[in-house]
Amino acid sequence: MERQDLGALFARITRRLIDAETPLLAARDLKMWDYVVLSQLAQQEAPTQLALAQAIAYDKTRLIRLLDDLEGEGLLVREADPTDRRARIVRLTPAGERRLAQARADIRAMEEELLGELSDRERKTLLSVLQRLAGEPG
């Protein structure tokens, strides 16, 4: 039997992960895009809302409402850029950092269960290879 294309395999894995993550995020009062935004901001504050939209590949016009909601919950703040008053710097608040850490811990626990059928060596290899394929430093 011929193996499936990588795209098909990754699509099935992605669907499985999304299905497992969605209720975990909902339990923390987050949606998937909320988590994506918070995760990106944890890596670095966004110099502008446009830069954030580009970093997460999200429509910049739809991002405004998402940021409004997250800011309303006290999870992030948008401040005027001192060098360009038209631009807004977006950063996590301590409450946003806590909510993200809680959601991330839930997701990591789910991932550990999912990866539990792999040996330690297989797990390390898989994670290393995925990081390389994603273009991230391993």
Protein backbone atom coordinates (compact mmCIF):
# COMPACT_ATOMS: atom_id res chain seq x y z
CA MET A 1 0.00 0.00 0.00
CA GLU A 2 1.33 3.42 -0.96
CA ARG A 3 1.75 5.93 1.86
CA GLN A 4 -0.42 9.04 2.04
CA ASP A 5 0.92 12.39 0.97
CA LEU A 6 2.45 14.49 3.74
CA GLY A 7 -0.28 17.09 3.30
CA ALA A 8 -2.98 14.50 3.97
CA LEU A 9 -1.16 13.12 7.00
CA PHE A 10 -0.52 16.57 8.46
CA ALA A 11 -4.16 17.54 7.81
CA ARG A 12 -5.39 14.52 9.76
CA ILE A 13 -2.98 15.18 12.62
CA THR A 14 -3.91 18.87 12.66
CA ARG A 15 -7.62 18.03 12.78
CA ARG A 16 -7.00 15.59 15.64
CA LEU A 17 -5.05 18.22 17.58
CA ILE A 18 -7.63 20.95 16.97
CA ASP A 19 -10.41 18.62 18.10
CA ALA A 20 -8.46 17.86 21.30
CA GLU A 21 -7.41 21.48 21.96
CA THR A 22 -10.75 23.20 21.37
CA PRO A 23 -12.46 22.00 24.58
CA LEU A 24 -9.29 22.65 26.59
CA LEU A 25 -9.20 26.23 25.34
CA ALA A 26 -12.94 26.66 25.90
CA ALA A 27 -12.45 25.59 29.52
CA ARG A 28 -10.05 28.57 29.82
CA ASP A 29 -12.55 30.83 28.01
CA LEU A 30 -10.37 31.03 24.89
CA LYS A 31 -10.93 30.29 21.23
CA MET A 32 -8.22 28.97 18.92
CA TRP A 33 -7.40 32.39 17.44
CA ASP A 34 -7.26 33.89 20.95
CA TYR A 35 -4.63 31.30 21.79
CA VAL A 36 -2.71 32.00 18.59
CA VAL A 37 -2.60 35.74 19.36
CA LEU A 38 -1.59 35.24 23.00
CA SER A 39 1.08 32.72 21.98
CA GLN A 40 2.54 35.09 19.40
CA LEU A 41 2.59 37.97 21.88
CA ALA A 42 4.32 35.75 24.44
CA GLN A 43 7.15 35.31 21.94
CA GLN A 44 7.41 39.06 21.33
CA GLU A 45 5.20 42.10 21.65
CA ALA A 46 3.86 43.24 18.32
CA PRO A 47 5.27 46.52 17.11
CA THR A 48 1.94 47.14 15.36
CA GLN A 49 -1.39 45.45 14.92
CA LEU A 50 -0.50 45.00 11.26
CA ALA A 51 2.73 43.22 12.18
CA LEU A 52 0.75 40.93 14.50
CA ALA A 53 -1.75 40.12 11.72
CA GLN A 54 1.10 39.30 9.37
CA ALA A 55 2.94 37.18 11.96
CA ILE A 56 -0.10 34.97 12.56
CA ALA A 57 -1.41 35.09 8.96
CA TYR A 58 -4.73 36.58 10.02
CA ASP A 59 -6.82 39.17 8.20
CA LYS A 60 -5.91 42.59 9.63
CA THR A 61 -9.49 43.88 9.51
CA ARG A 62 -10.81 40.88 11.46
CA LEU A 63 -7.96 41.14 13.95
CA ILE A 64 -9.32 44.41 15.39
CA ARG A 65 -12.41 42.73 16.85
CA LEU A 66 -10.34 39.84 18.21
CA LEU A 67 -7.97 42.29 19.90
CA ASP A 68 -10.92 44.32 21.21
CA ASP A 69 -12.31 41.18 22.87
CA LEU A 70 -8.95 40.13 24.36
CA GLU A 71 -8.28 43.66 25.58
CA GLY A 72 -11.78 43.79 27.09
CA GLU A 73 -10.91 40.68 29.09
CA GLY A 74 -7.70 42.31 30.28
CA LEU A 75 -5.46 39.81 28.46
CA LEU A 76 -3.60 42.35 26.34
CA VAL A 77 -3.15 46.08 25.93
CA ARG A 78 -2.69 48.27 22.90
CA GLU A 79 -0.71 51.43 23.38
CA ALA A 80 0.17 54.22 21.02
CA ASP A 81 3.62 53.82 19.50
CA PRO A 82 5.67 56.78 20.74
CA THR A 83 7.33 57.04 17.33
CA ASP A 84 4.10 56.76 15.30
CA ARG A 85 0.85 57.74 17.03
CA ARG A 86 -1.17 56.02 14.29
CA ALA A 87 0.33 52.65 15.19
CA ARG A 88 -0.53 50.55 18.21
CA ILE A 89 1.94 48.36 20.11
CA VAL A 90 0.25 45.18 21.31
CA ARG A 91 1.49 43.32 24.38
CA LEU A 92 0.29 40.75 26.90
CA THR A 93 -0.82 41.75 30.36
CA PRO A 94 0.06 39.66 33.42
CA ALA A 95 -3.49 38.26 33.24
CA GLY A 96 -2.88 37.30 29.60
CA GLU A 97 0.40 35.62 30.52
CA ARG A 98 -1.37 33.61 33.26
CA ARG A 99 -4.27 32.56 31.01
CA LEU A 100 -1.86 31.53 28.27
CA ALA A 101 0.29 29.55 30.73
CA GLN A 102 -2.79 27.71 32.01
CA ALA A 103 -4.03 26.88 28.52
CA ARG A 104 -0.55 25.86 27.41
CA ALA A 105 -0.20 23.52 30.42
CA ASP A 106 -3.53 21.88 29.52
CA ILE A 107 -2.43 21.46 25.91
CA ARG A 108 0.97 20.06 26.89
CA ALA A 109 -0.75 17.47 29.11
CA MET A 110 -2.98 16.45 26.20
CA GLU A 111 0.07 16.24 23.92
CA GLU A 112 1.88 14.05 26.43
CA GLU A 113 -1.08 11.68 26.41
CA LEU A 114 -1.18 11.70 22.60
CA LEU A 115 2.56 11.06 22.35
CA GLY A 116 2.39 8.44 25.11
CA GLU A 117 2.28 5.62 22.61
CA LEU A 118 5.74 6.63 21.35
CA SER A 119 9.02 5.71 22.97
CA ASP A 120 11.11 8.54 24.43
CA ARG A 121 13.48 8.29 21.46
CA GLU A 122 10.63 8.39 18.93
CA ARG A 123 9.09 11.38 20.72
CA LYS A 124 12.37 13.34 20.71
CA THR A 125 12.97 12.48 17.06
CA LEU A 126 9.44 13.46 16.04
CA LEU A 127 9.60 16.81 17.81
CA SER A 128 13.05 17.56 16.44
CA VAL A 129 12.04 16.70 12.87
CA LEU A 130 8.83 18.73 13.09
CA GLN A 131 10.75 21.78 14.31
CA ARG A 132 13.19 21.43 11.41
CA LEU A 133 10.41 21.03 8.85
CA ALA A 134 8.69 24.10 10.33
CA GLY A 135 11.90 26.05 9.85
CA GLU A 136 12.49 26.56 13.55
CA PRO A 137 15.76 26.04 15.38
CA GLY A 138 15.83 22.65 17.09
